[in-house]
Amino acid sequence: MEINSLIIPEKPLLMLQSIKCAWRLDPSHEHLHDCLLRFRSWLDEKYDSLVQSVASVIDTEMQPFRWLA
């Protein structure tokens, strides 16, 4: 089985939790800004297809990162 053929489920709340944990540990880490931008880009693309409750949690939890918009 090829890696490209695998379907990996997207877990936006887990992604956000990981980013927030990294932010608490070291907000100036060189890779964190890149992760934030990639998550924001993914979110811009997928936001409309998210379940409303998930979108609501993401909206609330992303408040400290509004400067990315």
PDB file of N, CA and C in Angstrom:
ATOM      1  N   MET A   1       0.842  -1.173   0.000  1.00  0.00           N
ATOM      2  CA  MET A   1       0.000   0.000   0.000  1.00  0.00           C
ATOM      3  C   MET A   1       0.892   1.243   0.000  1.00  0.00           C
ATOM      4  N   GLU A   2       0.571   2.164  -0.871  1.00  0.00           N
ATOM      5  CA  GLU A   2       1.340   3.392  -0.959  1.00  0.00           C
ATOM      6  C   GLU A   2       0.844   4.401   0.068  1.00  0.00           C
ATOM      7  N   ILE A   3       1.768   5.202   0.553  1.00  0.00           N
ATOM      8  CA  ILE A   3       1.412   6.262   1.507  1.00  0.00           C
ATOM      9  C   ILE A   3       0.423   7.237   0.877  1.00  0.00           C
ATOM     10  N   ASN A   4       0.612   7.558  -0.389  1.00  0.00           N
ATOM     11  CA  ASN A   4      -0.254   8.524  -1.056  1.00  0.00           C
ATOM     12  C   ASN A   4      -1.700   8.050  -1.150  1.00  0.00           C
ATOM     13  N   SER A   5      -1.911   6.759  -1.081  1.00  0.00           N
ATOM     14  CA  SER A   5      -3.271   6.244  -1.206  1.00  0.00           C
ATOM     15  C   SER A   5      -4.008   6.190   0.131  1.00  0.00           C
ATOM     16  N   LEU A   6      -3.287   6.444   1.217  1.00  0.00           N
ATOM     17  CA  LEU A   6      -3.932   6.425   2.527  1.00  0.00           C
ATOM     18  C   LEU A   6      -4.768   7.681   2.731  1.00  0.00           C
ATOM     19  N   ILE A   7      -5.910   7.507   3.330  1.00  0.00           N
ATOM     20  CA  ILE A   7      -6.739   8.651   3.678  1.00  0.00           C
ATOM     21  C   ILE A   7      -6.515   8.940   5.154  1.00  0.00           C
ATOM     22  N   ILE A   8      -5.959  10.088   5.432  1.00  0.00           N
ATOM     23  CA  ILE A   8      -5.679  10.479   6.808  1.00  0.00           C
ATOM     24  C   ILE A   8      -6.764  11.450   7.243  1.00  0.00           C
ATOM     25  N   PRO A   9      -7.512  11.101   8.282  1.00  0.00           N
ATOM     26  CA  PRO A   9      -8.587  11.989   8.716  1.00  0.00           C
ATOM     27  C   PRO A   9      -8.010  13.287   9.280  1.00  0.00           C
ATOM     28  N   GLU A  10      -8.664  14.375   8.964  1.00  0.00           N
ATOM     29  CA  GLU A  10      -8.231  15.673   9.459  1.00  0.00           C
ATOM     30  C   GLU A  10      -8.855  15.894  10.828  1.00  0.00           C
ATOM     31  N   LYS A  11      -8.058  16.316  11.743  1.00  0.00           N
ATOM     32  CA  LYS A  11      -8.510  16.525  13.117  1.00  0.00           C
ATOM     33  C   LYS A  11      -8.139  17.938  13.537  1.00  0.00           C
ATOM     34  N   PRO A  12      -8.958  18.904  13.153  1.00  0.00           N
ATOM     35  CA  PRO A  12      -8.594  20.308  13.401  1.00  0.00           C
ATOM     36  C   PRO A  12      -8.477  20.668  14.878  1.00  0.00           C
ATOM     37  N   LEU A  13      -9.276  20.061  15.734  1.00  0.00           N
ATOM     38  CA  LEU A  13      -9.175  20.401  17.152  1.00  0.00           C
ATOM     39  C   LEU A  13      -7.872  19.862  17.750  1.00  0.00           C
ATOM     40  N   LEU A  14      -7.445  18.707  17.288  1.00  0.00           N
ATOM     41  CA  LEU A  14      -6.164  18.167  17.738  1.00  0.00           C
ATOM     42  C   LEU A  14      -5.010  19.020  17.206  1.00  0.00           C
ATOM     43  N   MET A  15      -5.130  19.455  15.972  1.00  0.00           N
ATOM     44  CA  MET A  15      -4.117  20.342  15.397  1.00  0.00           C
ATOM     45  C   MET A  15      -4.013  21.630  16.211  1.00  0.00           C
ATOM     46  N   LEU A  16      -5.155  22.224  16.508  1.00  0.00           N
ATOM     47  CA  LEU A  16      -5.173  23.464  17.279  1.00  0.00           C
ATOM     48  C   LEU A  16      -4.630  23.249  18.684  1.00  0.00           C
ATOM     49  N   GLN A  17      -4.982  22.153  19.315  1.00  0.00           N
ATOM     50  CA  GLN A  17      -4.486  21.856  20.652  1.00  0.00           C
ATOM     51  C   GLN A  17      -2.956  21.755  20.638  1.00  0.00           C
ATOM     52  N   SER A  18      -2.406  21.122  19.633  1.00  0.00           N
ATOM     53  CA  SER A  18      -0.957  20.982  19.527  1.00  0.00           C
ATOM     54  C   SER A  18      -0.279  22.332  19.338  1.00  0.00           C
ATOM     55  N   ILE A  19      -0.859  23.177  18.516  1.00  0.00           N
ATOM     56  CA  ILE A  19      -0.303  24.512  18.287  1.00  0.00           C
ATOM     57  C   ILE A  19      -0.341  25.332  19.574  1.00  0.00           C
ATOM     58  N   LYS A  20      -1.453  25.269  20.289  1.00  0.00           N
ATOM     59  CA  LYS A  20      -1.567  26.034  21.534  1.00  0.00           C
ATOM     60  C   LYS A  20      -0.589  25.526  22.592  1.00  0.00           C
ATOM     61  N   CYS A  21      -0.380  24.225  22.647  1.00  0.00           N
ATOM     62  CA  CYS A  21       0.582  23.651  23.589  1.00  0.00           C
ATOM     63  C   CYS A  21       2.001  24.127  23.243  1.00  0.00           C
ATOM     64  N   ALA A  22       2.342  24.095  21.978  1.00  0.00           N
ATOM     65  CA  ALA A  22       3.658  24.572  21.541  1.00  0.00           C
ATOM     66  C   ALA A  22       3.823  26.053  21.869  1.00  0.00           C
ATOM     67  N   TRP A  23       2.766  26.835  21.692  1.00  0.00           N
ATOM     68  CA  TRP A  23       2.799  28.272  21.991  1.00  0.00           C
ATOM     69  C   TRP A  23       3.095  28.503  23.475  1.00  0.00           C
ATOM     70  N   ARG A  24       2.446  27.711  24.336  1.00  0.00           N
ATOM     71  CA  ARG A  24       2.686  27.860  25.778  1.00  0.00           C
ATOM     72  C   ARG A  24       4.117  27.477  26.151  1.00  0.00           C
ATOM     73  N   LEU A  25       4.670  26.477  25.476  1.00  0.00           N
ATOM     74  CA  LEU A  25       6.021  26.021  25.790  1.00  0.00           C
ATOM     75  C   LEU A  25       7.094  27.000  25.306  1.00  0.00           C
ATOM     76  N   ASP A  26       6.935  27.495  24.069  1.00  0.00           N
ATOM     77  CA  ASP A  26       7.952  28.382  23.505  1.00  0.00           C
ATOM     78  C   ASP A  26       7.364  29.200  22.356  1.00  0.00           C
ATOM     79  N   PRO A  27       6.747  30.344  22.671  1.00  0.00           N
ATOM     80  CA  PRO A  27       6.087  31.136  21.627  1.00  0.00           C
ATOM     81  C   PRO A  27       7.047  31.698  20.570  1.00  0.00           C
ATOM     82  N   SER A  28       8.335  31.675  20.840  1.00  0.00           N
ATOM     83  CA  SER A  28       9.289  32.205  19.862  1.00  0.00           C
ATOM     84  C   SER A  28      10.002  31.100  19.075  1.00  0.00           C
ATOM     85  N   HIS A  29       9.541  29.867  19.213  1.00  0.00           N
ATOM     86  CA  HIS A  29      10.194  28.761  18.487  1.00  0.00           C
ATOM     87  C   HIS A  29      10.108  29.009  16.987  1.00  0.00           C
ATOM     88  N   GLU A  30      11.203  28.713  16.301  1.00  0.00           N
ATOM     89  CA  GLU A  30      11.317  29.036  14.876  1.00  0.00           C
ATOM     90  C   GLU A  30      10.279  28.339  13.996  1.00  0.00           C
ATOM     91  N   HIS A  31       9.780  27.174  14.390  1.00  0.00           N
ATOM     92  CA  HIS A  31       8.822  26.449  13.551  1.00  0.00           C
ATOM     93  C   HIS A  31       7.371  26.750  13.895  1.00  0.00           C
ATOM     94  N   LEU A  32       7.132  27.386  15.013  1.00  0.00           N
ATOM     95  CA  LEU A  32       5.760  27.625  15.441  1.00  0.00           C
ATOM     96  C   LEU A  32       5.021  28.569  14.494  1.00  0.00           C
ATOM     97  N   HIS A  33       5.660  29.626  14.071  1.00  0.00           N
ATOM     98  CA  HIS A  33       5.007  30.559  13.158  1.00  0.00           C
ATOM     99  C   HIS A  33       4.598  29.858  11.870  1.00  0.00           C
ATOM    100  N   ASP A  34       5.460  29.000  11.359  1.00  0.00           N
ATOM    101  CA  ASP A  34       5.151  28.224  10.156  1.00  0.00           C
ATOM    102  C   ASP A  34       3.937  27.322  10.383  1.00  0.00           C
ATOM    103  N   CYS A  35       3.898  26.661  11.537  1.00  0.00           N
ATOM    104  CA  CYS A  35       2.754  25.797  11.866  1.00  0.00           C
ATOM    105  C   CYS A  35       1.463  26.600  11.951  1.00  0.00           C
ATOM    106  N   LEU A  36       1.541  27.771  12.555  1.00  0.00           N
ATOM    107  CA  LEU A  36       0.357  28.629  12.661  1.00  0.00           C
ATOM    108  C   LEU A  36      -0.141  29.049  11.285  1.00  0.00           C
ATOM    109  N   LEU A  37       0.776  29.421  10.417  1.00  0.00           N
ATOM    110  CA  LEU A  37       0.379  29.839   9.068  1.00  0.00           C
ATOM    111  C   LEU A  37      -0.198  28.680   8.257  1.00  0.00           C
ATOM    112  N   ARG A  38       0.390  27.499   8.396  1.00  0.00           N
ATOM    113  CA  ARG A  38      -0.145  26.336   7.676  1.00  0.00           C
ATOM    114  C   ARG A  38      -1.531  25.959   8.190  1.00  0.00           C
ATOM    115  N   PHE A  39      -1.725  26.047   9.513  1.00  0.00           N
ATOM    116  CA  PHE A  39      -3.047  25.754  10.067  1.00  0.00           C
ATOM    117  C   PHE A  39      -4.061  26.785   9.591  1.00  0.00           C
ATOM    118  N   ARG A  40      -3.662  28.060   9.590  1.00  0.00           N
ATOM    119  CA  ARG A  40      -4.562  29.127   9.141  1.00  0.00           C
ATOM    120  C   ARG A  40      -4.929  28.919   7.671  1.00  0.00           C
ATOM    121  N   SER A  41      -3.960  28.534   6.866  1.00  0.00           N
ATOM    122  CA  SER A  41      -4.215  28.282   5.449  1.00  0.00           C
ATOM    123  C   SER A  41      -5.177  27.103   5.280  1.00  0.00           C
ATOM    124  N   TRP A  42      -4.940  26.026   6.037  1.00  0.00           N
ATOM    125  CA  TRP A  42      -5.833  24.867   5.997  1.00  0.00           C
ATOM    126  C   TRP A  42      -7.233  25.280   6.425  1.00  0.00           C
ATOM    127  N   LEU A  43      -7.307  26.080   7.475  1.00  0.00           N
ATOM    128  CA  LEU A  43      -8.596  26.517   7.999  1.00  0.00           C
ATOM    129  C   LEU A  43      -9.353  27.370   6.987  1.00  0.00           C
ATOM    130  N   ASP A  44      -8.650  28.258   6.302  1.00  0.00           N
ATOM    131  CA  ASP A  44      -9.291  29.082   5.268  1.00  0.00           C
ATOM    132  C   ASP A  44      -9.907  28.209   4.176  1.00  0.00           C
ATOM    133  N   GLU A  45      -9.227  27.113   3.862  1.00  0.00           N
ATOM    134  CA  GLU A  45      -9.695  26.218   2.801  1.00  0.00           C
ATOM    135  C   GLU A  45     -10.854  25.322   3.261  1.00  0.00           C
ATOM    136  N   LYS A  46     -10.809  24.868   4.492  1.00  0.00           N
ATOM    137  CA  LYS A  46     -11.747  23.845   4.962  1.00  0.00           C
ATOM    138  C   LYS A  46     -12.858  24.362   5.884  1.00  0.00           C
ATOM    139  N   TYR A  47     -12.798  25.612   6.287  1.00  0.00           N
ATOM    140  CA  TYR A  47     -13.702  26.128   7.320  1.00  0.00           C
ATOM    141  C   TYR A  47     -15.173  25.854   7.002  1.00  0.00           C
ATOM    142  N   ASP A  48     -15.584  26.099   5.785  1.00  0.00           N
ATOM    143  CA  ASP A  48     -17.004  25.937   5.428  1.00  0.00           C
ATOM    144  C   ASP A  48     -17.495  24.495   5.531  1.00  0.00           C
ATOM    145  N   SER A  49     -16.590  23.538   5.492  1.00  0.00           N
ATOM    146  CA  SER A  49     -17.006  22.135   5.563  1.00  0.00           C
ATOM    147  C   SER A  49     -16.948  21.570   6.989  1.00  0.00           C
ATOM    148  N   LEU A  50     -16.521  22.387   7.955  1.00  0.00           N
ATOM    149  CA  LEU A  50     -16.447  21.915   9.339  1.00  0.00           C
ATOM    150  C   LEU A  50     -17.833  21.831   9.975  1.00  0.00           C
ATOM    151  N   VAL A  51     -17.987  20.901  10.889  1.00  0.00           N
ATOM    152  CA  VAL A  51     -19.199  20.818  11.695  1.00  0.00           C
ATOM    153  C   VAL A  51     -19.291  22.118  12.505  1.00  0.00           C
ATOM    154  N   GLN A  52     -20.481  22.650  12.665  1.00  0.00           N
ATOM    155  CA  GLN A  52     -20.661  23.945  13.318  1.00  0.00           C
ATOM    156  C   GLN A  52     -20.050  23.984  14.721  1.00  0.00           C
ATOM    157  N   SER A  53     -20.196  22.927  15.485  1.00  0.00           N
ATOM    158  CA  SER A  53     -19.652  22.929  16.845  1.00  0.00           C
ATOM    159  C   SER A  53     -18.121  22.994  16.828  1.00  0.00           C
ATOM    160  N   VAL A  54     -17.497  22.332  15.875  1.00  0.00           N
ATOM    161  CA  VAL A  54     -16.039  22.375  15.740  1.00  0.00           C
ATOM    162  C   VAL A  54     -15.607  23.775  15.312  1.00  0.00           C
ATOM    163  N   ALA A  55     -16.300  24.355  14.359  1.00  0.00           N
ATOM    164  CA  ALA A  55     -15.984  25.710  13.905  1.00  0.00           C
ATOM    165  C   ALA A  55     -16.106  26.712  15.045  1.00  0.00           C
ATOM    166  N   SER A  56     -17.106  26.543  15.886  1.00  0.00           N
ATOM    167  CA  SER A  56     -17.310  27.443  17.019  1.00  0.00           C
ATOM    168  C   SER A  56     -16.147  27.360  18.011  1.00  0.00           C
ATOM    169  N   VAL A  57     -15.704  26.147  18.306  1.00  0.00           N
ATOM    170  CA  VAL A  57     -14.568  25.975  19.219  1.00  0.00           C
ATOM    171  C   VAL A  57     -13.316  26.601  18.610  1.00  0.00           C
ATOM    172  N   ILE A  58     -13.091  26.367  17.337  1.00  0.00           N
ATOM    173  CA  ILE A  58     -11.913  26.936  16.671  1.00  0.00           C
ATOM    174  C   ILE A  58     -11.974  28.459  16.702  1.00  0.00           C
ATOM    175  N   ASP A  59     -13.131  29.033  16.419  1.00  0.00           N
ATOM    176  CA  ASP A  59     -13.274  30.490  16.468  1.00  0.00           C
ATOM    177  C   ASP A  59     -12.895  31.039  17.837  1.00  0.00           C
ATOM    178  N   THR A  60     -13.383  30.397  18.884  1.00  0.00           N
ATOM    179  CA  THR A  60     -13.099  30.849  20.243  1.00  0.00           C
ATOM    180  C   THR A  60     -11.626  30.689  20.588  1.00  0.00           C
ATOM    181  N   GLU A  61     -11.072  29.530  20.283  1.00  0.00           N
ATOM    182  CA  GLU A  61      -9.688  29.232  20.662  1.00  0.00           C
ATOM    183  C   GLU A  61      -8.650  29.967  19.821  1.00  0.00           C
ATOM    184  N   MET A  62      -9.042  30.438  18.645  1.00  0.00           N
ATOM    185  CA  MET A  62      -8.105  31.168  17.789  1.00  0.00           C
ATOM    186  C   MET A  62      -8.036  32.658  18.126  1.00  0.00           C
ATOM    187  N   GLN A  63      -8.837  33.121  19.072  1.00  0.00           N
ATOM    188  CA  GLN A  63      -8.833  34.551  19.428  1.00  0.00           C
ATOM    189  C   GLN A  63      -7.433  35.097  19.691  1.00  0.00           C
ATOM    190  N   PRO A  64      -6.579  34.412  20.450  1.00  0.00           N
ATOM    191  CA  PRO A  64      -5.237  34.964  20.681  1.00  0.00           C
ATOM    192  C   PRO A  64      -4.377  35.054  19.413  1.00  0.00           C
ATOM    193  N   PHE A  65      -4.786  34.368  18.358  1.00  0.00           N
ATOM    194  CA  PHE A  65      -4.000  34.342  17.121  1.00  0.00           C
ATOM    195  C   PHE A  65      -4.665  35.147  16.004  1.00  0.00           C
ATOM    196  N   ARG A  66      -5.521  36.080  16.330  1.00  0.00           N
ATOM    197  CA  ARG A  66      -6.246  36.853  15.319  1.00  0.00           C
ATOM    198  C   ARG A  66      -5.318  37.658  14.419  1.00  0.00           C
ATOM    199  N   TRP A  67      -4.113  37.932  14.853  1.00  0.00           N
ATOM    200  CA  TRP A  67      -3.157  38.682  14.047  1.00  0.00           C
ATOM    201  C   TRP A  67      -2.774  37.913  12.783  1.00  0.00           C
ATOM    202  N   LEU A  68      -3.128  36.621  12.711  1.00  0.00           N
ATOM    203  CA  LEU A  68      -2.817  35.832  11.515  1.00  0.00           C
ATOM    204  C   LEU A  68      -3.773  36.103  10.367  1.00  0.00           C
ATOM    205  N   ALA A  69      -4.930  36.632  10.672  1.00  0.00           N
ATOM    206  CA  ALA A  69      -5.963  36.795   9.640  1.00  0.00           C
ATOM    207  C   ALA A  69      -5.592  37.830   8.609  1.00  0.00           C
TER     208      ALA A  69
END
